[in-house]
Amino acid sequence: KYLVGYLYSLIGIDGKILQSELTFVSSVIQHLKLDIESETFKSYLTNPISLNKLPNVLLKNLHLRHFIIWVMFFLAKSDGHFTPKEAEFIELTSEKFKILKSSFLLIKDLFIKEDL
């Protein structure tokens, strides 16, 4: 369920909320068979999830934290526009998740190709 909170926060972080992004999150909920209502998390569209205190389930599961970052990149790129605010939010989330910078960059490189 934490995944959904982070995804809704990412959708709202750039100030534009597209129907395709909301549909994406609904599809994730359905595909992962999460027993939650997406309406519960819609407040995160305007008030992002707190990154200050992570739930124990996330602290104990590095794979879940990596998965959330991966899906956040997937969502951010799904509308064809990857904004600086989205990039900042994903990177800050990764830092709060205590994901190694090298791991973050490997995930990022799957979605964002930077000119060297």
Protein backbone atom coordinates (compact mmCIF):
# COMPACT_ATOMS: atom_id res chain seq x y z
CA LYS A 1 0.00 0.00 0.00
CA TYR A 2 2.96 2.33 0.52
CA LEU A 3 3.74 2.09 -3.16
CA VAL A 4 0.43 3.78 -3.97
CA GLY A 5 1.14 6.67 -1.59
CA TYR A 6 4.50 7.32 -3.24
CA LEU A 7 3.00 7.09 -6.73
CA TYR A 8 0.20 9.55 -5.95
CA SER A 9 2.75 11.91 -4.40
CA LEU A 10 4.85 11.73 -7.57
CA ILE A 11 1.82 12.43 -9.79
CA GLY A 12 1.07 15.65 -7.93
CA ILE A 13 4.64 16.84 -7.45
CA ASP A 14 4.86 18.63 -10.81
CA GLY A 15 1.49 20.35 -10.41
CA LYS A 16 -0.19 18.58 -13.31
CA ILE A 17 -2.39 15.57 -12.78
CA LEU A 18 -3.10 13.60 -15.93
CA GLN A 19 -5.83 10.99 -16.26
CA SER A 20 -3.28 8.63 -17.80
CA GLU A 21 -1.20 8.81 -14.61
CA LEU A 22 -4.22 8.04 -12.42
CA THR A 23 -5.09 5.15 -14.73
CA PHE A 24 -1.51 3.88 -14.41
CA VAL A 25 -1.79 3.77 -10.61
CA SER A 26 -5.16 2.05 -10.80
CA SER A 27 -3.61 -0.54 -13.11
CA VAL A 28 -0.73 -1.11 -10.67
CA ILE A 29 -3.22 -1.62 -7.84
CA GLN A 30 -5.19 -4.07 -9.93
CA HIS A 31 -2.14 -5.92 -11.32
CA LEU A 32 -0.52 -6.34 -7.90
CA LYS A 33 -3.89 -7.36 -6.44
CA LEU A 34 -3.60 -4.75 -3.69
CA ASP A 35 -6.65 -4.71 -1.48
CA ILE A 36 -6.96 -0.93 -1.26
CA GLU A 37 -9.07 1.83 -2.68
CA SER A 38 -7.09 4.38 -4.66
CA GLU A 39 -9.41 7.12 -3.35
CA THR A 40 -7.81 6.66 0.08
CA PHE A 41 -4.52 8.01 -1.25
CA LYS A 42 -5.71 10.87 -3.46
CA SER A 43 -4.87 13.44 -0.76
CA TYR A 44 -1.21 12.75 -1.63
CA LEU A 45 -1.78 14.44 -5.00
CA THR A 46 -1.64 17.81 -3.24
CA ASN A 47 0.07 16.85 0.02
CA PRO A 48 2.98 14.46 -0.69
CA ILE A 49 3.67 11.51 1.56
CA SER A 50 6.12 12.22 4.37
CA LEU A 51 9.62 10.98 3.68
CA ASN A 52 10.80 11.64 7.23
CA LYS A 53 9.67 8.41 8.87
CA LEU A 54 9.63 5.21 6.87
CA PRO A 55 7.30 2.35 7.78
CA ASN A 56 9.04 -0.73 9.22
CA VAL A 57 8.00 -2.86 6.26
CA LEU A 58 10.09 -0.61 4.00
CA LEU A 59 13.03 -0.45 6.37
CA LYS A 60 13.22 -4.24 6.39
CA ASN A 61 12.84 -4.83 2.66
CA LEU A 62 15.47 -3.40 0.31
CA HIS A 63 13.89 -5.12 -2.70
CA LEU A 64 10.58 -3.36 -2.04
CA ARG A 65 12.34 0.01 -1.78
CA HIS A 66 14.13 -0.63 -5.09
CA PHE A 67 10.84 -1.71 -6.67
CA ILE A 68 9.11 1.49 -5.54
CA ILE A 69 11.87 3.64 -7.06
CA TRP A 70 11.70 1.63 -10.30
CA VAL A 71 7.91 2.06 -10.56
CA MET A 72 8.23 5.77 -9.74
CA PHE A 73 10.58 6.22 -12.72
CA PHE A 74 8.23 4.19 -14.89
CA LEU A 75 5.31 6.43 -13.90
CA ALA A 76 7.29 9.63 -14.34
CA LYS A 77 8.26 8.64 -17.88
CA SER A 78 4.84 7.25 -18.81
CA ASP A 79 3.44 10.63 -19.88
CA GLY A 80 6.45 11.37 -22.08
CA HIS A 81 7.70 14.21 -19.87
CA PHE A 82 10.18 13.75 -17.04
CA THR A 83 10.23 16.99 -15.07
CA PRO A 84 12.97 18.26 -12.74
CA LYS A 85 10.48 18.16 -9.84
CA GLU A 86 9.77 14.49 -10.53
CA ALA A 87 13.51 13.78 -10.70
CA GLU A 88 14.09 15.60 -7.40
CA PHE A 89 11.26 13.76 -5.65
CA ILE A 90 12.42 10.35 -6.85
CA GLU A 91 16.03 11.04 -5.86
CA LEU A 92 15.01 12.37 -2.43
CA THR A 93 12.81 9.32 -1.92
CA SER A 94 15.74 7.10 -2.87
CA GLU A 95 17.98 8.88 -0.36
CA LYS A 96 15.37 8.54 2.39
CA PHE A 97 15.03 4.86 1.47
CA LYS A 98 18.79 4.55 2.07
CA ILE A 99 19.34 3.16 -1.41
CA LEU A 100 22.98 3.29 -2.47
CA LYS A 101 23.67 6.08 -4.96
CA SER A 102 25.14 3.53 -7.38
CA SER A 103 21.93 1.45 -7.21
CA PHE A 104 19.81 4.55 -7.73
CA LEU A 105 21.86 5.52 -10.78
CA LEU A 106 21.52 2.01 -12.25
CA ILE A 107 17.72 2.21 -11.90
CA LYS A 108 17.66 5.77 -13.24
CA ASP A 109 19.76 4.76 -16.25
CA LEU A 110 17.07 2.26 -17.27
CA PHE A 111 14.69 5.18 -17.82
CA ILE A 112 16.75 8.32 -18.29
CA LYS A 113 19.67 8.49 -20.69
CA GLU A 114 21.91 11.44 -19.88
CA ASP A 115 24.40 12.89 -22.32
CA LEU A 116 27.94 12.64 -21.06
